[in-house]
């Protein structure tokens, strides 16, 4: 079932929409939550919380891309849960490492979490990524959006882990240059 059809079900308050969303996007969202939380039970709870949030927000919200809306909802809930529970010691958590890597280019104590600055930052990052080769763009998203470990990124892209590390380092340096040029830093 396609997103427009699912949105119609949600607008008509048909609970089968939640089942379809789970079938279509559940595996991806569980993976995102697991990368952040490192715990299957917490990841499943984030999925359920996200389904409830979507049920309560649509309508009135009318997302253009339901997949992105659902993944972002799960991701934000998982990040909130990780922060609230201080679960950084649970196995395989990539969040501290990922945030440290990105902190290199957003230093100077700026509050990148502020809504206006964050929106501007995402616009700059989006423009930057659209100019990068597809494989580099995919690695960047896998690492910094889905918070995947570099070994997993390497396996999925058919390259060595060192190649992933070097590619991500070069992308961060290029992005830092652009952020300075745009006077964001």
Protein backbone atom coordinates (compact mmCIF):
# COMPACT_ATOMS: atom_id res chain seq x y z
CA UNK A 1 0.00 0.00 0.00
CA UNK A 2 1.34 3.43 -0.96
CA UNK A 3 1.72 6.41 1.37
CA UNK A 4 -1.27 8.40 0.01
CA UNK A 5 -3.54 5.41 0.65
CA UNK A 6 -2.16 4.98 4.17
CA UNK A 7 -2.69 8.68 4.87
CA UNK A 8 -6.33 8.34 3.80
CA UNK A 9 -6.74 5.44 6.22
CA UNK A 10 -5.24 7.56 9.00
CA UNK A 11 -7.48 10.50 8.16
CA UNK A 12 -10.48 8.15 8.28
CA UNK A 13 -9.23 6.87 11.67
CA UNK A 14 -8.83 3.33 10.33
CA UNK A 15 -6.52 1.42 12.69
CA UNK A 16 -5.37 -0.89 9.89
CA UNK A 17 -3.14 2.01 8.79
CA UNK A 18 -0.91 1.37 11.80
CA UNK A 19 -0.47 -2.27 10.78
CA UNK A 20 0.44 -1.24 7.24
CA UNK A 21 2.93 1.37 8.50
CA UNK A 22 4.55 -1.29 10.67
CA UNK A 23 4.73 -3.74 7.76
CA UNK A 24 6.18 -1.14 5.39
CA UNK A 25 8.60 0.71 7.64
CA UNK A 26 8.86 -1.25 10.90
CA UNK A 27 12.13 -3.03 10.14
CA UNK A 28 13.92 0.18 9.18
CA UNK A 29 12.60 2.02 12.22
CA UNK A 30 13.54 -0.80 14.60
CA UNK A 31 17.05 -0.72 13.16
CA UNK A 32 17.29 3.06 13.67
CA UNK A 33 16.06 2.78 17.26
CA UNK A 34 18.40 -0.16 17.97
CA UNK A 35 21.40 1.80 16.68
CA UNK A 36 20.58 4.60 19.11
CA UNK A 37 19.41 2.61 22.13
CA UNK A 38 21.22 -0.72 21.80
CA UNK A 39 18.27 -2.51 23.38
CA UNK A 40 15.51 -4.38 21.53
CA UNK A 41 12.86 -3.73 24.18
CA UNK A 42 13.53 0.02 24.19
CA UNK A 43 13.53 0.04 20.38
CA UNK A 44 10.16 -1.72 20.30
CA UNK A 45 8.73 0.76 22.81
CA UNK A 46 9.92 3.65 20.60
CA UNK A 47 8.16 2.02 17.65
CA UNK A 48 4.92 1.76 19.62
CA UNK A 49 5.26 5.33 20.90
CA UNK A 50 5.87 6.53 17.33
CA UNK A 51 2.75 4.73 16.08
CA UNK A 52 0.72 6.43 18.82
CA UNK A 53 2.27 9.78 17.96
CA UNK A 54 1.43 9.32 14.29
CA UNK A 55 -2.11 8.25 15.16
CA UNK A 56 -2.56 11.41 17.23
CA UNK A 57 -0.88 13.78 14.77
CA UNK A 58 -2.46 12.67 11.46
CA UNK A 59 -4.75 14.50 10.98
CA UNK A 60 -4.13 17.45 11.20
CA UNK A 61 -0.56 16.83 10.00
CA UNK A 62 -0.26 15.81 6.34
CA UNK A 63 3.31 14.61 5.78
CA UNK A 64 4.44 14.47 2.19
CA UNK A 65 6.65 11.44 2.83
CA UNK A 66 5.20 9.07 5.42
CA UNK A 67 8.35 6.94 5.56
CA UNK A 68 10.54 9.92 6.43
CA UNK A 69 7.94 11.18 8.91
CA UNK A 70 7.78 7.82 10.68
CA UNK A 71 11.57 7.27 10.70
CA UNK A 72 12.13 10.80 12.04
CA UNK A 73 9.51 10.24 14.75
CA UNK A 74 11.12 6.97 15.85
CA UNK A 75 14.60 8.48 15.70
CA UNK A 76 13.62 11.51 17.79
CA UNK A 77 11.84 9.35 20.36
CA UNK A 78 14.87 7.07 20.60
CA UNK A 79 17.22 10.03 21.04
CA UNK A 80 14.94 11.45 23.74
CA UNK A 81 14.78 8.07 25.48
CA UNK A 82 18.57 7.64 25.35
CA UNK A 83 19.10 11.08 26.83
CA UNK A 84 16.45 10.63 29.50
CA UNK A 85 17.64 7.20 30.59
CA UNK A 86 21.35 7.87 30.16
CA UNK A 87 21.61 4.49 28.47
CA UNK A 88 24.95 5.19 26.86
CA UNK A 89 26.54 2.14 28.51
CA UNK A 90 24.23 -0.37 26.83
CA UNK A 91 25.88 -2.52 24.18
CA UNK A 92 26.81 -1.15 20.79
CA UNK A 93 25.53 2.38 21.29
CA UNK A 94 26.89 4.62 18.54
CA UNK A 95 25.32 7.90 19.67
CA UNK A 96 28.23 9.30 21.74
CA UNK A 97 30.76 8.50 19.04
CA UNK A 98 28.61 9.95 16.26
CA UNK A 99 27.91 13.13 18.21
CA UNK A 100 31.61 13.51 19.02
CA UNK A 101 32.50 13.19 15.34
CA UNK A 102 30.01 15.88 14.37
CA UNK A 103 31.05 18.07 17.29
CA UNK A 104 34.43 18.52 15.60
CA UNK A 105 32.83 20.74 12.99
CA UNK A 106 30.29 22.48 15.22
CA UNK A 107 32.60 23.63 17.98
CA UNK A 108 32.76 27.08 19.60
CA UNK A 109 29.98 26.20 22.06
CA UNK A 110 27.19 27.00 19.60
CA UNK A 111 23.76 25.73 20.46
CA UNK A 112 23.04 23.67 17.35
CA UNK A 113 19.88 22.37 19.00
CA UNK A 114 18.10 25.72 18.71
CA UNK A 115 15.29 25.38 16.18
CA UNK A 116 16.29 28.18 13.83
CA UNK A 117 19.94 27.25 13.79
CA UNK A 118 19.14 23.58 13.44
CA UNK A 119 16.90 24.24 10.43
CA UNK A 120 19.63 26.35 8.82
CA UNK A 121 22.21 23.66 9.57
CA UNK A 122 20.06 20.95 7.96
CA UNK A 123 19.55 23.12 4.88
CA UNK A 124 23.30 23.57 4.51
CA UNK A 125 23.95 19.87 5.10
CA UNK A 126 21.25 18.93 2.59
CA UNK A 127 22.76 21.16 -0.10
CA UNK A 128 26.21 19.78 0.71
CA UNK A 129 25.06 16.16 0.47
CA UNK A 130 23.27 16.67 -2.85
CA UNK A 131 26.65 17.65 -4.36
CA UNK A 132 28.44 14.53 -3.09
CA UNK A 133 28.78 11.21 -4.93
CA UNK A 134 25.92 8.83 -4.17
CA UNK A 135 28.08 6.35 -2.23
CA UNK A 136 29.57 9.07 -0.01
CA UNK A 137 26.13 10.55 0.59
CA UNK A 138 24.78 7.12 1.56
CA UNK A 139 27.67 6.53 4.00
CA UNK A 140 27.13 9.96 5.57
CA UNK A 141 23.43 9.25 6.10
CA UNK A 142 24.08 5.76 7.41
CA UNK A 143 26.51 7.11 9.98
CA UNK A 144 25.01 10.41 11.03
CA UNK A 145 21.29 9.83 10.56
CA UNK A 146 20.86 6.09 11.13
CA UNK A 147 23.86 6.01 13.52
CA UNK A 148 25.21 2.78 12.08
CA UNK A 149 28.63 1.48 13.19
CA UNK A 150 31.39 1.96 10.60
CA UNK A 151 31.85 -1.82 10.26
CA UNK A 152 28.21 -2.24 9.27
CA UNK A 153 28.45 0.65 6.80
CA UNK A 154 31.53 -0.96 5.26
CA UNK A 155 29.76 -4.29 4.87
CA UNK A 156 26.68 -2.73 3.27
CA UNK A 157 28.76 -0.68 0.83
CA UNK A 158 31.30 -3.34 -0.07
CA UNK A 159 34.33 -1.38 1.16
CA UNK A 160 36.78 -1.66 4.04
CA UNK A 161 36.04 -0.08 7.39
CA UNK A 162 39.11 2.11 6.92
CA UNK A 163 37.66 3.38 3.63
CA UNK A 164 34.43 4.33 5.43
CA UNK A 165 36.37 6.12 8.17
CA UNK A 166 38.46 8.06 5.66
CA UNK A 167 35.43 8.95 3.53
CA UNK A 168 33.50 10.21 6.56
CA UNK A 169 36.52 12.20 7.78
CA UNK A 170 36.89 13.87 4.38
CA UNK A 171 33.16 14.62 4.23
CA UNK A 172 33.27 16.22 7.69
CA UNK A 173 36.23 18.37 6.63
CA UNK A 174 34.45 19.46 3.44
CA UNK A 175 31.28 20.18 5.42
CA UNK A 176 33.26 22.18 7.97
CA UNK A 177 34.71 24.31 5.17
CA UNK A 178 31.23 24.94 3.78
CA UNK A 179 29.85 25.79 7.22
CA UNK A 180 32.63 28.35 7.65
CA UNK A 181 32.03 29.73 4.17
CA UNK A 182 28.30 30.06 4.95
CA UNK A 183 29.31 31.79 8.20
CA UNK A 184 27.54 29.15 10.21
CA UNK A 185 30.68 28.55 12.28
